[in-house]
Amino acid sequence: MYKYTIDSGYTIQGNNKLNGSVNISGSKNASLPLMVASILTDEDVVLNNIPNLLDVQVLIRILSKLGKDISYENDRMVIKSNGDLCSEAPYELVKKMRGSIIVLGPLLAKRKCCKVSYPGGCAFGPRPIDLHIKGIEALGASVNMEGGYINAEATSLVGTTMNLSGEFGPTVLGTDNIMMAATLASGKTIIEGAASEPECTDLANMLVQMGAKISGIGTNRLEIDGVSKLGGIEYTVIPDRIEAGTYLAMAASSRSKITLNSVCSTHLEKVISLLKDMGCVIETSENSILIDASKNELKPFNVETLPYPEFPTDLQSIFTALATSINGVSEIKESVFPDRFTHIAELNRMGSDIKLHETTIIINGGKPMTGADVQASDLRAGAALLVAAVVAKGISNVHRIYHIERGYEKMETKMRSIGVNIVKKEDDIL
């Protein structure tokens, strides 16, 4: 069981040289939709490689409210139905995690009505749920919003054609939500502008194994032929590509050589290509990535965040931290979440020279970085501070790490195993 402590923090003695290997956990962003897909069936769902994270524990509590009995041990989760047909996801749980909005589609499809609180989660700017609402309304649901809750009902859902691409590209959670709802709708649903991220593909593959009829998996056009019911399944979640990218950045920043195990390198092709262009030596196999950043002087880089298969927005802040260690000017354009910049001020507190011009981050790298008291404002911003703290001179105290532990399993244990001098403090208050 994950122990949640709001007053915990990390203390890191900097100037680390990393070595050894680290095992990558199952994907957080894939695990949550797979867990929610259990709502679509009355049969048992068994999920392997589920990481023990705060977000996972929050979702366990939400699913327990929605009629599921869950046992979870050693990254193996068994989800059983208990006959309680409650269809309300309450505010006190949903506020903790934005991803909880994905209970909306499957609840509506399976139980014909639902009441879901507006979600919470990382606070790095607005991430509207209008495309979720647009999608379920297109399937025939009536929706009203009152008192901070989304109330939806439908006598039946009917397939249709819709486009889920928004101002900044496809919606990942929206695609998950509508895809799950459409599996039990009558007729054919076509989703244009669908997200093609590996996490969406993982959900689609699991739904197919449960009995759904989905074509176009891995593309921006999904076709779902509704079925009358879905069955149980045992399924293994994909590795976490963002966790893997974080450790690759940490190795590059510290000019180290490490191996990542239990990883899918094909999900990181743009990231690996960028690191190679910077001067890192990288070797990949079916389940591992070796990175050696000690052989060459690293070069500054320019990159733009875009939907998969391009460079992921979830690694933007982390590669900003990496860029501070490289002599010269690097630029990162954020084209997915145009308000995702809270890490900049904290990195500048450590001595970096980072400026923001509209949605482009300009990093004048190679400045001496020193340890400081900094605080995580969201999940990936927190990870960026860890990357910087690993190479900074002196001691860094990273506060509010409950943000980090929403998405990284056994972070301090894994970092310590590859040579980082890190201690977790349970009585940290800032």
Protein backbone atom coordinates (compact mmCIF):
# COMPACT_ATOMS: atom_id res chain seq x y z
CA MET A 1 0.00 0.00 0.00
CA TYR A 2 1.30 3.45 -0.93
CA LYS A 3 1.92 5.69 2.11
CA TYR A 4 0.81 9.24 1.38
CA THR A 5 2.61 11.92 3.40
CA ILE A 6 2.03 15.52 2.40
CA ASP A 7 5.01 16.73 4.47
CA SER A 8 7.68 14.51 2.87
CA GLY A 9 10.62 15.77 0.80
CA TYR A 10 13.88 14.71 -0.83
CA THR A 11 17.35 15.87 0.19
CA ILE A 12 19.94 15.36 -2.55
CA GLN A 13 23.69 15.84 -2.33
CA GLY A 14 24.60 16.94 -5.83
CA ASN A 15 27.47 16.36 -8.24
CA ASN A 16 26.53 12.68 -8.71
CA LYS A 17 27.97 10.35 -11.33
CA LEU A 18 25.49 7.59 -12.11
CA ASN A 19 26.14 3.95 -12.92
CA GLY A 20 24.38 0.60 -12.94
CA SER A 21 20.85 -0.17 -14.07
CA VAL A 22 17.28 0.76 -13.22
CA ASN A 23 14.05 -1.15 -13.86
CA ILE A 24 11.26 0.89 -15.43
CA SER A 25 7.81 0.44 -13.89
CA GLY A 26 4.51 -0.04 -15.66
CA SER A 27 3.05 3.06 -17.25
CA LYS A 28 1.00 5.29 -14.97
CA ASN A 29 -0.82 6.84 -17.91
CA ALA A 30 -1.72 3.41 -19.28
CA SER A 31 -2.56 1.78 -15.93
CA LEU A 32 -5.34 4.20 -14.99
CA PRO A 33 -7.49 3.68 -18.12
CA LEU A 34 -6.96 -0.08 -17.93
CA MET A 35 -8.22 -0.08 -14.35
CA VAL A 36 -11.25 2.02 -15.33
CA ALA A 37 -12.06 -0.33 -18.22
CA SER A 38 -13.05 -2.89 -15.58
CA ILE A 39 -16.31 -0.90 -15.19
CA LEU A 40 -17.33 -2.18 -18.64
CA THR A 41 -17.56 -5.82 -17.51
CA ASP A 42 -19.06 -7.80 -14.65
CA GLU A 43 -16.29 -10.38 -14.95
CA ASP A 44 -12.89 -10.35 -13.25
CA VAL A 45 -10.10 -8.15 -14.60
CA VAL A 46 -6.51 -9.00 -13.66
CA LEU A 47 -3.82 -6.42 -14.42
CA ASN A 48 -0.08 -7.01 -14.16
CA ASN A 49 2.77 -4.48 -13.92
CA ILE A 50 0.60 -1.82 -12.25
CA PRO A 51 2.93 0.64 -10.46
CA ASN A 52 2.30 1.42 -6.79
CA LEU A 53 1.61 5.16 -7.04
CA LEU A 54 -0.56 7.72 -5.33
CA ASP A 55 -2.72 8.07 -8.46
CA VAL A 56 -3.26 4.31 -8.57
CA GLN A 57 -4.31 4.27 -4.92
CA VAL A 58 -6.73 7.16 -5.50
CA LEU A 59 -8.30 5.31 -8.42
CA ILE A 60 -8.60 2.14 -6.33
CA ARG A 61 -10.68 4.17 -3.87
CA ILE A 62 -12.82 5.59 -6.68
CA LEU A 63 -13.47 2.16 -8.20
CA SER A 64 -14.30 0.81 -4.75
CA LYS A 65 -17.02 3.47 -4.53
CA LEU A 66 -18.30 2.33 -7.93
CA GLY A 67 -18.90 -1.30 -7.05
CA LYS A 68 -15.52 -2.97 -7.44
CA ASP A 69 -13.58 -5.08 -4.94
CA ILE A 70 -9.86 -4.72 -5.56
CA SER A 71 -6.88 -6.65 -4.29
CA TYR A 72 -3.44 -5.33 -5.15
CA GLU A 73 -0.05 -6.78 -4.29
CA ASN A 74 3.36 -6.90 -6.00
CA ASP A 75 2.15 -4.86 -9.00
CA ARG A 76 -0.68 -7.38 -9.67
CA MET A 77 -4.25 -6.13 -9.37
CA VAL A 78 -7.42 -8.21 -9.31
CA ILE A 79 -10.68 -6.30 -9.85
CA LYS A 80 -14.00 -8.01 -9.11
CA SER A 81 -17.57 -6.70 -9.25
CA ASN A 82 -19.55 -6.79 -6.01
CA GLY A 83 -23.00 -5.91 -7.35
CA ASP A 84 -23.08 -2.37 -5.99
CA LEU A 85 -24.18 -0.25 -8.96
CA CYS A 86 -23.30 3.17 -7.51
CA SER A 87 -22.53 5.54 -10.39
CA GLU A 88 -21.28 8.61 -8.52
CA ALA A 89 -17.59 9.54 -8.44
CA PRO A 90 -17.43 12.00 -5.52
CA TYR A 91 -15.51 15.25 -5.28
CA GLU A 92 -13.37 14.24 -2.31
CA LEU A 93 -11.70 11.57 -4.47
CA VAL A 94 -11.91 12.96 -8.00
CA LYS A 95 -10.32 16.27 -6.92
CA LYS A 96 -7.06 14.43 -6.27
CA MET A 97 -6.49 13.27 -9.85
CA ARG A 98 -7.43 14.73 -13.20
CA GLY A 99 -7.32 11.33 -14.88
CA SER A 100 -10.40 10.28 -12.93
CA ILE A 101 -12.56 11.96 -15.59
CA ILE A 102 -12.20 8.74 -17.62
CA VAL A 103 -14.78 6.98 -15.43
CA LEU A 104 -17.40 9.10 -17.24
CA GLY A 105 -17.60 7.13 -20.51
CA PRO A 106 -17.60 3.57 -19.14
CA LEU A 107 -20.06 4.41 -16.35
CA LEU A 108 -22.46 5.89 -18.87
CA ALA A 109 -22.08 2.96 -21.27
CA LYS A 110 -22.50 0.26 -18.63
CA ARG A 111 -24.96 1.86 -16.19
CA LYS A 112 -26.73 4.43 -18.41
CA CYS A 113 -26.22 7.27 -15.95
CA CYS A 114 -23.43 8.77 -13.89
CA LYS A 115 -22.50 11.70 -11.69
CA VAL A 116 -18.84 12.65 -11.83
CA SER A 117 -17.19 15.57 -10.06
CA TYR A 118 -15.03 17.95 -12.04
CA PRO A 119 -11.50 16.53 -11.75
CA GLY A 120 -8.36 17.85 -10.06
CA GLY A 121 -4.68 16.99 -10.53
CA CYS A 122 -1.60 18.93 -11.65
CA ALA A 123 -2.05 22.70 -11.65
CA PHE A 124 -0.13 23.81 -14.76
CA GLY A 125 -2.95 25.54 -16.59
CA PRO A 126 -6.41 24.76 -17.89
CA ARG A 127 -7.05 21.37 -19.46
CA PRO A 128 -10.70 21.59 -20.45
CA ILE A 129 -12.96 18.56 -20.59
CA ASP A 130 -15.21 19.98 -23.29
CA LEU A 131 -14.14 17.31 -25.79
CA HIS A 132 -15.17 14.58 -23.32
CA ILE A 133 -18.61 16.17 -23.04
CA LYS A 134 -18.84 16.71 -26.80
CA GLY A 135 -18.05 13.04 -27.38
CA ILE A 136 -20.61 11.51 -25.03
CA GLU A 137 -23.28 13.94 -26.22
CA ALA A 138 -22.54 12.87 -29.80
CA LEU A 139 -23.21 9.28 -28.69
CA GLY A 140 -26.65 10.34 -27.47
CA ALA A 141 -26.15 11.23 -23.80
CA SER A 142 -27.85 14.18 -22.16
CA VAL A 143 -25.46 16.16 -19.98
CA ASN A 144 -25.93 18.90 -17.44
CA MET A 145 -23.41 20.41 -15.06
CA GLU A 146 -24.50 21.53 -11.64
CA GLY A 147 -22.80 22.03 -8.29
CA GLY A 148 -19.38 21.04 -9.63
CA TYR A 149 -20.67 17.72 -11.00
CA ILE A 150 -21.16 16.36 -14.50
CA ASN A 151 -24.51 14.56 -14.67
CA ALA A 152 -25.00 12.35 -17.71
CA GLU A 153 -27.62 9.82 -18.71
CA ALA A 154 -28.72 7.92 -21.79
CA THR A 155 -31.33 5.26 -22.44
CA SER A 156 -28.87 3.90 -24.99
CA LEU A 157 -25.72 5.09 -26.73
CA VAL A 158 -25.69 5.11 -30.52
CA GLY A 159 -22.58 5.14 -32.67
CA THR A 160 -21.74 8.18 -34.75
CA THR A 161 -18.80 10.02 -36.34
CA MET A 162 -16.96 12.70 -34.36
CA ASN A 163 -13.68 14.58 -34.25
CA LEU A 164 -11.83 14.76 -30.91
CA SER A 165 -8.93 16.96 -31.96
CA GLY A 166 -8.78 20.19 -29.99
CA GLU A 167 -6.86 23.44 -30.30
CA PHE A 168 -3.59 21.80 -29.22
CA GLY A 169 -4.08 18.40 -30.81
CA PRO A 170 -5.90 15.18 -29.94
CA THR A 171 -7.15 14.59 -26.40
CA VAL A 172 -5.64 11.47 -24.87
CA LEU A 173 -8.10 11.04 -22.00
CA GLY A 174 -10.97 12.12 -24.25
CA THR A 175 -10.05 9.40 -26.73
CA ASP A 176 -9.91 6.86 -23.89
CA ASN A 177 -13.27 7.99 -22.54
CA ILE A 178 -15.18 7.91 -25.83
CA MET A 179 -13.51 4.71 -27.03
CA MET A 180 -14.63 2.91 -23.86
CA ALA A 181 -18.15 4.30 -24.10
CA ALA A 182 -18.41 3.34 -27.77
CA THR A 183 -17.53 -0.32 -27.15
CA LEU A 184 -21.02 -0.86 -25.68
CA ALA A 185 -22.89 1.55 -27.96
CA SER A 186 -25.12 0.28 -30.75
CA GLY A 187 -23.72 0.63 -34.26
CA LYS A 188 -20.40 2.03 -35.46
CA THR A 189 -18.51 4.92 -33.87
CA ILE A 190 -15.78 6.65 -35.86
CA ILE A 191 -13.36 8.87 -33.94
CA GLU A 192 -11.43 11.24 -36.17
CA GLY A 193 -8.57 13.14 -34.57
CA ALA A 194 -8.04 10.33 -32.06
CA ALA A 195 -4.92 10.26 -29.90
CA SER A 196 -2.39 7.63 -30.98
CA GLU A 197 -0.21 7.60 -27.86
CA PRO A 198 1.06 4.16 -26.76
CA GLU A 199 -1.15 4.43 -23.67
CA CYS A 200 -4.28 4.81 -25.85
CA THR A 201 -3.11 1.90 -27.98
CA ASP A 202 -2.61 -0.22 -24.86
CA LEU A 203 -6.20 0.45 -23.77
CA ALA A 204 -7.55 -0.35 -27.23
CA ASN A 205 -5.61 -3.62 -27.32
CA MET A 206 -6.98 -4.65 -23.94
CA LEU A 207 -10.55 -3.76 -24.93
CA VAL A 208 -10.20 -5.92 -28.05
CA GLN A 209 -9.06 -8.84 -25.91
CA MET A 210 -12.14 -8.25 -23.74
CA GLY A 211 -14.34 -8.65 -26.82
CA ALA A 212 -14.53 -5.11 -28.27
CA LYS A 213 -14.35 -4.54 -32.03
CA ILE A 214 -11.88 -1.73 -32.72
CA SER A 215 -9.91 -1.04 -35.90
CA GLY A 216 -7.36 1.66 -36.69
CA ILE A 217 -5.54 1.10 -33.40
CA GLY A 218 -2.43 3.28 -33.20
CA THR A 219 -3.73 5.77 -35.78
CA ASN A 220 -5.70 9.01 -35.60
CA ARG A 221 -8.87 7.32 -36.89
CA LEU A 222 -10.56 4.69 -34.77
CA GLU A 223 -13.59 2.65 -35.78
CA ILE A 224 -15.52 0.94 -32.98
CA ASP A 225 -18.37 -1.47 -33.68
CA GLY A 226 -20.42 -1.73 -30.51
CA VAL A 227 -20.99 -5.09 -28.82
CA SER A 228 -23.54 -6.18 -26.22
CA LYS A 229 -21.03 -7.00 -23.49
CA LEU A 230 -17.34 -7.31 -22.66
CA GLY A 231 -15.67 -10.14 -20.78
CA GLY A 232 -12.95 -10.47 -18.19
CA ILE A 233 -9.25 -10.50 -18.96
CA GLU A 234 -5.70 -10.82 -17.63
CA TYR A 235 -3.47 -8.16 -19.16
CA THR A 236 0.00 -6.66 -18.64
CA VAL A 237 0.47 -2.89 -18.87
CA ILE A 238 3.21 -1.39 -21.06
CA PRO A 239 6.38 0.16 -19.54
CA ASP A 240 6.32 3.84 -18.57
CA ARG A 241 7.98 5.77 -21.40
CA ILE A 242 7.99 9.03 -19.40
CA GLU A 243 9.74 7.44 -16.44
CA ALA A 244 12.26 5.99 -18.89
CA GLY A 245 12.76 9.42 -20.49
CA THR A 246 13.33 10.92 -17.06
CA TYR A 247 16.18 8.53 -16.25
CA LEU A 248 17.67 9.04 -19.72
CA ALA A 249 17.72 12.79 -19.06
CA MET A 250 19.21 12.24 -15.61
CA ALA A 251 22.02 10.14 -17.12
CA ALA A 252 22.67 12.69 -19.87
CA SER A 253 22.68 15.62 -17.44
CA SER A 254 25.25 13.91 -15.20
CA ARG A 255 27.31 12.64 -18.18
CA SER A 256 26.82 9.09 -16.96
CA LYS A 257 26.37 5.59 -18.31
CA ILE A 258 23.37 3.54 -17.15
CA THR A 259 21.05 0.82 -18.47
CA LEU A 260 17.26 0.95 -18.38
CA ASN A 261 15.56 -2.45 -18.17
CA SER A 262 11.93 -3.47 -18.75
CA VAL A 263 11.47 -0.65 -21.25
CA CYS A 264 10.07 -0.31 -24.77
CA SER A 265 12.50 1.72 -26.87
CA THR A 266 10.09 2.01 -29.81
CA HIS A 267 7.87 4.26 -27.65
CA LEU A 268 10.82 6.66 -27.26
CA GLU A 269 12.13 6.98 -30.80
CA LYS A 270 11.98 10.79 -30.92
CA VAL A 271 13.55 11.09 -27.47
CA ILE A 272 16.36 8.68 -28.31
CA SER A 273 16.99 10.42 -31.65
CA LEU A 274 17.28 13.78 -29.87
CA LEU A 275 19.70 12.41 -27.28
CA LYS A 276 21.85 10.90 -30.02
CA ASP A 277 21.90 14.23 -31.87
CA MET A 278 23.08 15.85 -28.64
CA GLY A 279 26.04 13.44 -28.48
CA CYS A 280 24.83 10.59 -26.27
CA VAL A 281 25.74 7.04 -27.25
CA ILE A 282 22.62 4.86 -27.04
CA GLU A 283 22.14 1.15 -27.67
CA THR A 284 18.71 -0.45 -27.64
CA SER A 285 17.44 -4.01 -27.44
CA GLU A 286 13.94 -5.43 -27.20
CA ASN A 287 13.63 -4.66 -23.48
CA SER A 288 16.54 -2.37 -22.58
CA ILE A 289 18.23 0.93 -23.37
CA LEU A 290 21.89 1.68 -22.60
CA ILE A 291 22.84 5.36 -22.55
CA ASP A 292 26.41 6.61 -22.29
CA ALA A 293 26.72 10.39 -22.06
CA SER A 294 30.35 10.36 -20.92
CA LYS A 295 32.07 9.97 -24.29
CA ASN A 296 31.19 13.20 -26.09
CA GLU A 297 30.62 16.83 -25.23
CA LEU A 298 26.85 17.33 -25.40
CA LYS A 299 25.44 19.90 -27.81
CA PRO A 300 22.52 22.27 -27.23
CA PHE A 301 19.27 21.36 -28.95
CA ASN A 302 15.98 22.68 -30.30
CA VAL A 303 12.79 20.66 -29.96
CA GLU A 304 9.03 21.17 -30.01
CA THR A 305 6.50 19.21 -27.97
CA LEU A 306 3.77 17.67 -30.11
CA PRO A 307 1.37 14.72 -29.90
CA TYR A 308 2.81 11.22 -30.31
CA PRO A 309 4.95 10.10 -32.09
CA GLU A 310 6.69 13.46 -31.70
CA PHE A 311 8.51 14.70 -28.57
CA PRO A 312 6.20 14.36 -25.53
CA THR A 313 5.04 17.33 -23.48
CA ASP A 314 5.53 15.26 -20.32
CA LEU A 315 9.31 15.42 -20.90
CA GLN A 316 9.43 19.15 -21.64
CA SER A 317 10.30 20.31 -18.11
CA ILE A 318 12.69 17.38 -17.62
CA PHE A 319 14.65 18.20 -20.78
CA THR A 320 14.65 21.85 -19.77
CA ALA A 321 16.60 20.74 -16.69
CA LEU A 322 18.92 18.68 -18.90
CA ALA A 323 19.54 21.71 -21.15
CA THR A 324 20.82 23.74 -18.17
CA SER A 325 23.82 21.39 -18.01
CA ILE A 326 24.82 21.88 -21.67
CA ASN A 327 26.98 24.78 -22.84
CA GLY A 328 25.13 26.96 -25.35
CA VAL A 329 21.54 27.97 -26.02
CA SER A 330 18.79 25.36 -26.24
CA GLU A 331 15.16 26.05 -27.10
CA ILE A 332 12.05 24.04 -26.29
CA LYS A 333 8.71 25.10 -27.77
CA GLU A 334 5.68 23.89 -25.80
CA SER A 335 2.83 23.26 -28.26
CA VAL A 336 0.57 20.97 -26.21
CA PHE A 337 0.06 22.69 -22.83
CA PRO A 338 0.86 26.41 -23.29
CA ASP A 339 0.95 27.12 -19.54
CA ARG A 340 3.33 24.34 -18.49
CA PHE A 341 6.20 26.49 -17.23
CA THR A 342 6.13 26.52 -13.42
CA HIS A 343 9.47 24.70 -13.24
CA ILE A 344 11.36 27.63 -14.79
CA ALA A 345 11.36 29.83 -11.68
CA GLU A 346 12.52 26.96 -9.47
CA LEU A 347 15.35 25.99 -11.83
CA ASN A 348 16.44 29.63 -11.96
CA ARG A 349 16.61 29.56 -8.15
CA MET A 350 19.29 26.91 -8.57
CA GLY A 351 21.37 29.17 -10.84
CA SER A 352 20.09 28.39 -14.32
CA ASP A 353 19.52 31.07 -16.95
CA ILE A 354 16.11 30.32 -18.46
CA LYS A 355 13.77 32.77 -20.13
CA LEU A 356 10.29 32.29 -21.53
CA HIS A 357 9.23 33.93 -24.78
CA GLU A 358 5.54 33.24 -25.35
CA THR A 359 5.54 29.41 -25.43
CA THR A 360 9.24 28.92 -26.16
CA ILE A 361 11.70 28.20 -23.36
CA ILE A 362 15.18 29.60 -24.02
CA ILE A 363 17.91 27.98 -21.92
CA ASN A 364 21.36 29.55 -21.76
CA GLY A 365 23.02 26.40 -20.52
CA GLY A 366 26.28 25.65 -18.79
CA LYS A 367 25.81 28.06 -15.89
CA PRO A 368 26.99 26.79 -12.47
CA MET A 369 24.03 25.18 -10.69
CA THR A 370 23.90 25.10 -6.89
CA GLY A 371 21.65 23.27 -4.50
CA ALA A 372 18.66 25.15 -3.13
CA ASP A 373 15.30 24.74 -1.46
CA VAL A 374 12.82 24.20 -4.29
CA GLN A 375 9.30 22.85 -4.51
CA ALA A 376 7.46 20.71 -7.01
CA SER A 377 4.39 22.39 -8.47
CA ASP A 378 3.31 19.40 -10.53
CA LEU A 379 4.41 15.87 -11.36
CA ARG A 380 6.86 16.49 -14.21
CA ALA A 381 8.10 19.84 -12.87
CA GLY A 382 9.06 17.95 -9.72
CA ALA A 383 10.98 15.37 -11.75
CA ALA A 384 12.82 18.21 -13.51
CA LEU A 385 14.01 19.51 -10.14
CA LEU A 386 15.41 16.07 -9.32
CA VAL A 387 17.34 15.99 -12.61
CA ALA A 388 18.84 19.39 -11.79
CA ALA A 389 19.57 18.47 -8.18
CA VAL A 390 21.54 15.39 -9.23
CA VAL A 391 24.22 17.55 -10.89
CA ALA A 392 24.01 20.79 -8.89
CA LYS A 393 26.82 21.63 -6.48
CA GLY A 394 25.81 21.23 -2.85
CA ILE A 395 22.56 20.14 -1.23
CA SER A 396 19.09 20.52 -2.69
CA ASN A 397 15.91 20.08 -0.68
CA VAL A 398 12.96 19.26 -2.93
CA HIS A 399 9.64 19.90 -1.22
CA ARG A 400 6.05 18.87 -2.02
CA ILE A 401 7.20 15.59 -3.50
CA TYR A 402 3.69 14.15 -3.25
CA HIS A 403 3.38 15.59 -6.78
CA ILE A 404 6.36 13.48 -7.92
CA GLU A 405 5.09 10.35 -6.20
CA ARG A 406 1.83 10.57 -8.13
CA GLY A 407 3.74 9.24 -11.12
CA TYR A 408 7.12 7.75 -10.14
CA GLU A 409 7.32 4.45 -8.29
CA LYS A 410 10.06 4.04 -5.64
CA MET A 411 11.80 7.17 -6.90
CA GLU A 412 14.40 7.58 -4.18
CA THR A 413 15.12 3.83 -4.09
CA LYS A 414 15.73 3.71 -7.83
CA MET A 415 17.83 6.88 -7.84
CA ARG A 416 19.92 5.58 -4.96
CA SER A 417 20.50 2.29 -6.82
CA ILE A 418 22.23 4.14 -9.69
CA GLY A 419 24.42 6.28 -7.45
CA VAL A 420 22.38 9.32 -6.41
CA ASN A 421 22.95 10.52 -2.85
CA ILE A 422 19.27 11.00 -1.95
CA VAL A 423 17.32 10.75 1.31
CA LYS A 424 13.57 10.98 1.80
CA LYS A 425 12.46 13.04 4.79
CA GLU A 426 8.98 12.31 6.16
CA ASP A 427 8.76 15.47 8.31
CA ASP A 428 9.51 17.95 5.54
CA ILE A 429 7.51 21.17 5.83
CA LEU A 430 7.94 24.33 3.77
